Amino acid sequence: MKIATFNINNINRRLENLLAWLAEAKPDVVCLQELKARDMQFPQTRLAKAGYGAVWKGEPTWNGVAILAKGAEPVLTRDALPGDEADRQARYIEAAVDGVVVGCLYAPNGNPQPGPKFDYKLAWHERFAAHAGQLLDTGLPVALAGDYNIVPEPRDIYPTRSYDDNALVQPQSRAAFAALIEQGWTDALRKAFPKQTLYTFWDYRRNRWLRDAGLRLDHILLSKKLARNLKAAGIDRDVRGQDDASDHAPVWVEVES
């Protein structure tokens, strides 16, 4: 099974980019973030013609998450992160696909920090960790894929001081990611590429793509059962270089489920 995550940064604006990538990469499961579309605006028909069933949680202007499955209909298990019924932001969706539980997340950015947005980021990650722990306890094969909005380590960002005050690199943010690893999750990209410099996001500003001034924000965490069966992983960097591309590149893993 090939599982991918792709922050599409407006699914309708970049639908042709997405469809071209789906046709070339042929992932079995895709987690999408930043749909920036209402539920009724989700391009279900076009995706179905491309061979993908879908579940999604939209939100106008911002956020929004979806899970696609090739040749199948994902079985929705939840469309919100538990722990705070007042939180209406569309940042988490979960489904079962061919015996694998897939959680798709678009974690809060948290800027500016300090402040209420950073507090929300940390609280959200606490809730996510609690739910992730429960998923681990089931013993099922689980993949948690998405834009975590955390740079886990200094080597996951290009050499710069411009991000020193950014929520993405703060010690509290990195501690939240480290806590997931301590639970027993495997960072699939790091397992596949333990020493390489890896980026998944390049800001549109300041010519960062052409300078390869990137950050690693998009992660796929695997439960123990899937991590044992990890066969390959990668980043489809060339997608970021296309016309009117998202500022993120797709990340993928291949596992024997």
Protein backbone atom coordinates (compact mmCIF):
# COMPACT_ATOMS: atom_id res chain seq x y z
CA MET A 1 0.00 0.00 0.00
CA LYS A 2 1.30 3.43 -0.97
CA ILE A 3 0.17 6.12 1.49
CA ALA A 4 0.82 9.79 0.73
CA THR A 5 0.20 13.18 2.27
CA PHE A 6 -0.08 16.39 0.28
CA ASN A 7 -0.88 19.87 1.54
CA ILE A 8 -2.59 20.97 -1.66
CA ASN A 9 -3.12 24.62 -0.57
CA ASN A 10 -6.51 25.11 -2.26
CA ILE A 11 -7.83 21.97 -3.90
CA ASN A 12 -9.92 23.63 -6.59
CA ARG A 13 -7.22 26.05 -7.66
CA ARG A 14 -4.70 23.23 -7.91
CA LEU A 15 -6.98 20.39 -8.98
CA GLU A 16 -5.18 19.83 -12.30
CA ASN A 17 -1.84 19.61 -10.44
CA LEU A 18 -3.37 17.08 -8.06
CA LEU A 19 -4.90 14.96 -10.81
CA ALA A 20 -1.64 14.90 -12.77
CA TRP A 21 0.27 13.79 -9.67
CA LEU A 22 -2.32 11.10 -8.88
CA ALA A 23 -2.03 9.72 -12.41
CA GLU A 24 1.76 9.60 -12.23
CA ALA A 25 2.38 8.58 -8.61
CA LYS A 26 -0.62 6.24 -8.28
CA PRO A 27 -0.90 6.34 -4.48
CA ASP A 28 -3.41 4.00 -2.86
CA VAL A 29 -4.28 6.46 -0.08
CA VAL A 30 -3.83 10.23 -0.03
CA CYS A 31 -4.25 12.62 2.87
CA LEU A 32 -4.93 16.18 1.71
CA GLN A 33 -4.71 19.37 3.75
CA GLU A 34 -5.67 23.01 3.27
CA LEU A 35 -8.59 22.27 0.99
CA LYS A 36 -9.76 25.88 1.42
CA ALA A 37 -13.23 24.82 0.25
CA ARG A 38 -16.66 24.27 1.70
CA ASP A 39 -17.94 20.69 1.80
CA MET A 40 -20.13 21.32 -1.25
CA GLN A 41 -17.14 22.69 -3.20
CA PHE A 42 -15.08 19.52 -2.86
CA PRO A 43 -14.36 18.12 -6.38
CA GLN A 44 -15.74 14.65 -5.66
CA THR A 45 -16.85 14.00 -9.25
CA ARG A 46 -13.48 14.79 -10.82
CA LEU A 47 -11.67 12.67 -8.27
CA ALA A 48 -14.09 9.78 -8.80
CA LYS A 49 -13.41 9.94 -12.55
CA ALA A 50 -9.71 9.67 -11.69
CA GLY A 51 -10.49 6.49 -9.73
CA TYR A 52 -10.51 7.81 -6.16
CA GLY A 53 -13.19 7.62 -3.51
CA ALA A 54 -13.04 10.27 -0.81
CA VAL A 55 -14.15 11.48 2.58
CA TRP A 56 -13.59 15.09 3.52
CA LYS A 57 -14.22 17.85 6.03
CA GLY A 58 -14.29 21.26 4.41
CA GLU A 59 -14.07 24.76 5.76
CA PRO A 60 -14.51 28.03 3.84
CA THR A 61 -11.36 30.06 3.20
CA TRP A 62 -8.98 28.06 5.43
CA ASN A 63 -8.15 24.55 6.64
CA GLY A 64 -10.01 21.48 5.38
CA VAL A 65 -8.82 17.86 5.20
CA ALA A 66 -9.61 14.83 3.06
CA ILE A 67 -8.67 11.19 2.58
CA LEU A 68 -8.68 9.65 -0.90
CA ALA A 69 -8.56 5.94 -1.71
CA LYS A 70 -7.80 4.43 -5.10
CA GLY A 71 -10.56 2.18 -6.31
CA ALA A 72 -12.34 2.24 -2.96
CA GLU A 73 -14.48 4.32 -0.65
CA PRO A 74 -12.73 5.19 2.63
CA VAL A 75 -14.81 4.25 5.67
CA LEU A 76 -15.07 7.40 7.77
CA THR A 77 -14.36 6.81 11.46
CA ARG A 78 -14.20 10.43 12.66
CA ASP A 79 -14.13 13.92 11.18
CA ALA A 80 -12.84 15.88 14.17
CA LEU A 81 -10.12 15.55 16.75
CA PRO A 82 -11.65 14.56 20.10
CA GLY A 83 -11.11 16.47 23.31
CA ASP A 84 -12.66 19.88 22.61
CA GLU A 85 -16.19 20.05 21.26
CA ALA A 86 -15.89 23.82 20.89
CA ASP A 87 -13.10 23.47 18.32
CA ARG A 88 -14.79 23.67 14.92
CA GLN A 89 -11.70 24.03 12.77
CA ALA A 90 -11.49 21.35 10.06
CA ARG A 91 -8.09 19.90 10.93
CA TYR A 92 -8.52 16.15 11.40
CA ILE A 93 -10.26 13.33 9.59
CA GLU A 94 -9.85 9.57 9.99
CA ALA A 95 -10.89 6.60 7.91
CA ALA A 96 -10.28 2.91 7.41
CA VAL A 97 -8.88 1.86 4.04
CA ASP A 98 -8.20 -1.79 3.27
CA GLY A 99 -7.65 -2.69 6.91
CA VAL A 100 -5.45 0.32 7.73
CA VAL A 101 -6.59 3.21 9.92
CA VAL A 102 -5.49 6.50 8.36
CA GLY A 103 -5.52 9.76 10.28
CA CYS A 104 -5.12 12.93 8.21
CA LEU A 105 -4.13 16.08 10.06
CA TYR A 106 -3.53 19.74 9.41
CA ALA A 107 -2.08 20.96 12.68
CA PRO A 108 -2.25 24.64 13.67
CA ASN A 109 0.56 26.92 12.54
CA GLY A 110 0.70 28.76 15.87
CA ASN A 111 2.01 32.13 14.73
CA PRO A 112 2.49 34.66 16.05
CA GLN A 113 4.04 33.33 19.21
CA PRO A 114 3.74 33.80 22.07
CA GLY A 115 0.01 34.35 22.06
CA PRO A 116 -3.38 32.65 21.76
CA LYS A 117 -2.58 31.02 18.41
CA PHE A 118 0.49 29.37 19.85
CA ASP A 119 -1.46 28.29 22.92
CA TYR A 120 -4.06 26.72 20.61
CA LYS A 121 -1.31 24.93 18.69
CA LEU A 122 0.12 23.35 21.83
CA ALA A 123 -3.31 22.43 23.18
CA TRP A 124 -4.25 20.88 19.83
CA HIS A 125 -1.11 18.76 19.84
CA GLU A 126 -1.88 17.60 23.38
CA ARG A 127 -5.28 16.40 22.19
CA PHE A 128 -3.71 14.80 19.13
CA ALA A 129 -1.16 12.95 21.25
CA ALA A 130 -3.92 11.63 23.52
CA HIS A 131 -5.87 10.33 20.53
CA ALA A 132 -2.74 8.93 18.90
CA GLY A 133 -2.00 6.99 22.08
CA GLN A 134 -5.45 5.47 21.99
CA LEU A 135 -4.96 4.44 18.38
CA LEU A 136 -1.65 2.80 19.26
CA ASP A 137 -3.30 0.87 22.06
CA THR A 138 -5.69 -0.77 19.58
CA GLY A 139 -2.78 -2.66 17.99
CA LEU A 140 -4.21 -1.93 14.55
CA PRO A 141 -2.06 -0.80 11.62
CA VAL A 142 -2.29 3.01 11.73
CA ALA A 143 -0.75 5.84 9.71
CA LEU A 144 -0.95 9.47 10.87
CA ALA A 145 -0.18 11.60 7.84
CA GLY A 146 -0.28 15.30 7.27
CA ASP A 147 1.10 18.76 7.79
CA TYR A 148 2.17 18.78 11.44
CA ASN A 149 3.42 22.38 11.21
CA ILE A 150 6.47 21.34 13.25
CA VAL A 151 10.11 21.27 12.17
CA PRO A 152 11.27 18.34 14.35
CA GLU A 153 15.00 19.09 14.42
CA PRO A 154 17.42 21.87 13.39
CA ARG A 155 18.52 19.76 10.40
CA ASP A 156 14.93 19.88 9.08
CA ILE A 157 15.22 23.56 8.14
CA TYR A 158 17.64 25.36 5.86
CA PRO A 159 20.41 27.38 7.57
CA THR A 160 18.75 30.61 8.65
CA ARG A 161 17.99 32.83 11.63
CA SER A 162 14.80 34.15 10.07
CA TYR A 163 12.67 31.44 11.70
CA ASP A 164 14.11 31.78 15.21
CA ASP A 165 10.88 33.25 16.61
CA ASN A 166 8.58 31.11 14.46
CA ALA A 167 6.14 28.73 16.14
CA LEU A 168 7.28 25.91 13.84
CA VAL A 169 10.69 25.59 15.51
CA GLN A 170 10.00 26.43 19.14
CA PRO A 171 11.13 23.95 21.81
CA GLN A 172 7.52 23.35 22.89
CA SER A 173 6.55 22.47 19.31
CA ARG A 174 9.47 20.10 18.88
CA ALA A 175 8.67 18.53 22.24
CA ALA A 176 5.14 17.79 21.01
CA PHE A 177 6.53 15.90 18.02
CA ALA A 178 9.11 14.10 20.15
CA ALA A 179 6.33 12.99 22.50
CA LEU A 180 4.66 11.15 19.62
CA ILE A 181 7.88 9.32 18.81
CA GLU A 182 8.23 8.41 22.47
CA GLN A 183 4.74 6.92 22.39
CA GLY A 184 5.99 4.42 19.84
CA TRP A 185 5.30 6.02 16.46
CA THR A 186 7.91 5.83 13.70
CA ASP A 187 8.80 8.89 11.62
CA ALA A 188 8.78 7.10 8.26
CA LEU A 189 10.93 9.59 6.35
CA ARG A 190 13.59 9.58 9.03
CA LYS A 191 13.59 5.80 9.19
CA ALA A 192 14.11 5.64 5.43
CA PHE A 193 16.62 8.53 5.32
CA PRO A 194 18.31 8.70 8.73
CA LYS A 195 21.07 11.13 7.74
CA GLN A 196 19.84 13.06 4.71
CA THR A 197 18.60 16.64 4.65
CA LEU A 198 14.89 16.52 3.83
CA TYR A 199 12.48 19.35 3.03
CA THR A 200 8.77 19.17 2.18
CA PHE A 201 7.81 22.88 2.18
CA TRP A 202 9.28 25.91 0.45
CA ASP A 203 7.68 29.29 1.12
CA TYR A 204 6.63 31.31 -1.91
CA ARG A 205 8.48 34.35 -0.64
CA ARG A 206 12.13 35.32 -1.03
CA ASN A 207 12.82 32.87 -3.84
CA ARG A 208 12.98 30.01 -1.37
CA TRP A 209 12.14 27.25 -3.86
CA LEU A 210 14.94 28.16 -6.26
CA ARG A 211 17.33 28.54 -3.31
CA ASP A 212 16.19 25.20 -1.84
CA ALA A 213 15.45 27.05 1.38
CA GLY A 214 13.03 24.47 2.70
CA LEU A 215 11.52 23.03 5.86
CA ARG A 216 10.30 19.55 6.77
CA LEU A 217 6.74 20.04 7.97
CA ASP A 218 4.88 17.10 6.40
CA HIS A 219 5.25 13.79 8.20
CA ILE A 220 3.88 10.26 8.11
CA LEU A 221 3.99 8.49 11.45
CA LEU A 222 3.50 4.73 11.43
CA SER A 223 2.33 2.40 14.16
CA LYS A 224 4.62 -0.48 15.06
CA LYS A 225 2.85 -2.94 12.80
CA LEU A 226 3.21 -0.71 9.73
CA ALA A 227 6.71 0.48 10.63
CA ARG A 228 7.94 -3.11 10.57
CA ASN A 229 6.63 -3.39 7.02
CA LEU A 230 7.98 -0.10 5.67
CA LYS A 231 9.42 -0.79 2.21
CA ALA A 232 10.09 2.69 0.81
CA ALA A 233 9.49 6.39 1.38
CA GLY A 234 10.06 9.60 -0.51
CA ILE A 235 9.26 13.21 -1.32
CA ASP A 236 8.00 14.12 -4.80
CA ARG A 237 9.95 17.36 -4.94
CA ASP A 238 9.34 18.00 -8.63
CA VAL A 239 5.65 18.65 -7.92
CA ARG A 240 6.66 21.77 -5.99
CA GLY A 241 8.38 23.14 -9.10
CA GLN A 242 5.34 23.02 -11.36
CA ASP A 243 3.36 26.04 -12.49
CA ASP A 244 1.06 27.44 -9.80
CA ALA A 245 2.14 24.65 -7.44
CA SER A 246 1.34 24.27 -3.78
CA ASP A 247 4.15 25.39 -1.50
CA HIS A 248 4.33 21.80 -0.21
CA ALA A 249 5.51 18.64 -1.98
CA PRO A 250 3.82 15.25 -1.57
CA VAL A 251 5.35 12.81 0.91
CA TRP A 252 4.75 9.07 0.58
CA VAL A 253 5.51 5.68 2.04
CA GLU A 254 5.08 2.15 0.78
CA VAL A 255 4.13 -0.48 3.35
CA GLU A 256 2.96 -4.05 3.37
CA SER A 257 -0.25 -3.75 5.32
